[in-house]
Protein backbone atom coordinates (compact mmCIF):
# COMPACT_ATOMS: atom_id res chain seq x y z
CA MET A 1 39.91 167.79 119.61
CA LEU A 2 38.09 169.51 116.97
CA LYS A 3 34.51 169.34 116.84
CA LYS A 4 34.61 168.32 113.23
CA ASP A 5 36.71 165.14 114.28
CA LEU A 6 34.04 164.11 116.71
CA PRO A 7 31.98 161.16 115.95
CA PRO A 8 28.33 161.60 114.96
CA CYS A 9 27.17 158.85 117.55
CA PRO A 10 26.78 160.41 121.01
CA VAL A 11 27.82 156.71 122.55
CA GLU A 12 31.04 156.60 120.55
CA LEU A 13 31.74 160.27 121.46
CA THR A 14 31.25 159.16 125.13
CA LEU A 15 33.45 156.45 124.72
CA LEU A 16 36.23 158.47 123.00
CA LEU A 17 36.30 160.85 125.93
CA ILE A 18 36.26 158.17 128.90
CA SER A 19 37.47 155.13 127.02
CA ASN A 20 39.81 152.78 129.21
CA LYS A 21 39.47 151.51 132.90
CA TRP A 22 42.05 154.29 134.12
CA LYS A 23 39.99 157.18 133.19
CA ILE A 24 36.89 155.86 134.68
CA LEU A 25 38.88 155.34 137.82
CA ILE A 26 40.32 158.74 137.71
CA ILE A 27 36.73 160.24 137.62
CA ARG A 28 35.49 157.91 140.21
CA ASP A 29 38.24 159.32 142.79
CA LEU A 30 37.81 162.87 141.64
CA LEU A 31 33.95 162.86 142.17
CA LYS A 32 34.99 162.70 145.76
CA GLY A 33 36.85 166.02 145.32
CA THR A 34 40.27 167.39 144.36
CA LYS A 35 43.08 164.89 144.60
CA ARG A 36 46.83 165.46 144.12
CA PHE A 37 48.84 163.30 141.54
CA SER A 38 50.46 161.24 144.42
CA GLU A 39 47.15 160.41 145.79
CA LEU A 40 45.42 159.44 142.66
CA LYS A 41 48.66 157.33 141.91
CA LYS A 42 47.89 155.46 145.26
CA SER A 43 44.45 154.99 144.89
CA ILE A 44 44.34 153.66 141.40
CA THR A 45 46.30 150.29 141.78
CA ASN A 46 48.62 149.15 138.79
CA ILE A 47 48.75 152.24 137.03
CA SER A 48 52.11 153.54 135.92
CA GLN A 49 53.16 157.15 136.41
CA LYS A 50 53.48 157.39 132.82
CA VAL A 51 49.96 156.12 132.22
CA LEU A 52 48.47 158.34 134.78
CA THR A 53 50.16 161.48 133.37
CA SER A 54 49.12 160.76 129.79
CA ASN A 55 45.37 160.11 130.94
CA LEU A 56 45.17 163.38 133.02
CA ARG A 57 46.65 165.46 130.46
CA GLU A 58 44.04 163.81 127.85
CA MET A 59 41.04 164.74 130.09
CA GLU A 60 42.33 167.86 130.73
CA GLU A 61 42.35 168.63 126.87
CA ASN A 62 38.90 167.23 126.93
CA GLY A 63 37.80 169.46 129.36
CA LEU A 64 37.00 166.85 132.01
CA LEU A 65 39.30 168.12 134.54
CA SER A 66 41.33 170.98 135.54
CA ARG A 67 45.20 171.04 136.86
CA LYS A 68 46.62 173.49 139.25
CA VAL A 69 50.12 174.02 139.86
CA TYR A 70 51.40 175.59 143.02
CA PRO A 71 54.69 177.33 142.72
CA GLU A 72 56.59 175.24 145.48
CA VAL A 73 59.46 172.86 145.81
CA PRO A 74 58.95 170.23 144.83
CA PRO A 75 55.66 171.54 142.72
CA ARG A 76 52.38 170.62 144.28
CA VAL A 77 49.63 169.55 141.34
CA GLU A 78 46.09 169.11 142.24
CA TYR A 79 43.19 167.83 139.85
CA THR A 80 39.59 168.61 139.97
CA LEU A 81 36.70 167.53 138.13
CA THR A 82 35.27 170.39 135.71
CA LYS A 83 31.39 171.12 135.41
CA VAL A 84 31.69 168.43 132.33
CA GLY A 85 33.63 165.97 134.39
CA TYR A 86 31.32 166.11 137.39
CA SER A 87 28.17 165.33 134.69
CA LEU A 88 29.41 162.19 134.25
CA GLU A 89 28.50 161.15 137.81
CA PRO A 90 25.33 159.64 137.02
CA LEU A 91 26.92 157.38 134.65
CA LEU A 92 29.50 156.11 136.85
CA THR A 93 26.51 155.48 139.49
CA ASP A 94 24.83 153.39 137.14
CA MET A 95 28.07 151.37 136.44
CA ASP A 96 28.51 150.94 140.24
CA LYS A 97 24.92 149.66 140.34
CA TRP A 98 25.02 147.48 137.47
CA GLY A 99 28.49 146.00 138.75
CA THR A 100 26.96 145.37 142.22
CA TRP A 101 23.89 143.61 140.53
CA TYR A 102 26.08 141.45 138.43
CA ARG A 103 28.06 140.49 141.10
CA ASN A 104 25.30 139.39 142.99
CA GLU A 105 23.04 137.99 140.51
CA VAL A 106 24.99 136.28 137.91
CA ILE A 107 28.34 135.32 139.41
């Protein structure tokens, strides 16, 4: 994504980068450390392999995570959040707190 194509609003930019539930759940899992593709697939229920792959690629292109391929048969691929990806931790922590509050107070 080119800088000139980015929206001027910071909230809109953030939503553009983590705009779906799958990306949020991928970040949630990777905040705990490096994960293999199969670990992410198992942890994130109801996500297809195609959708997981697509989201991981987008997140890598946007600098949120890095991908390491090991020259093995079968190939082993691991994903790790970058410094930029880890910077989203406070946002996810606040989402967790708000979701807990909502569940306890509103529902």
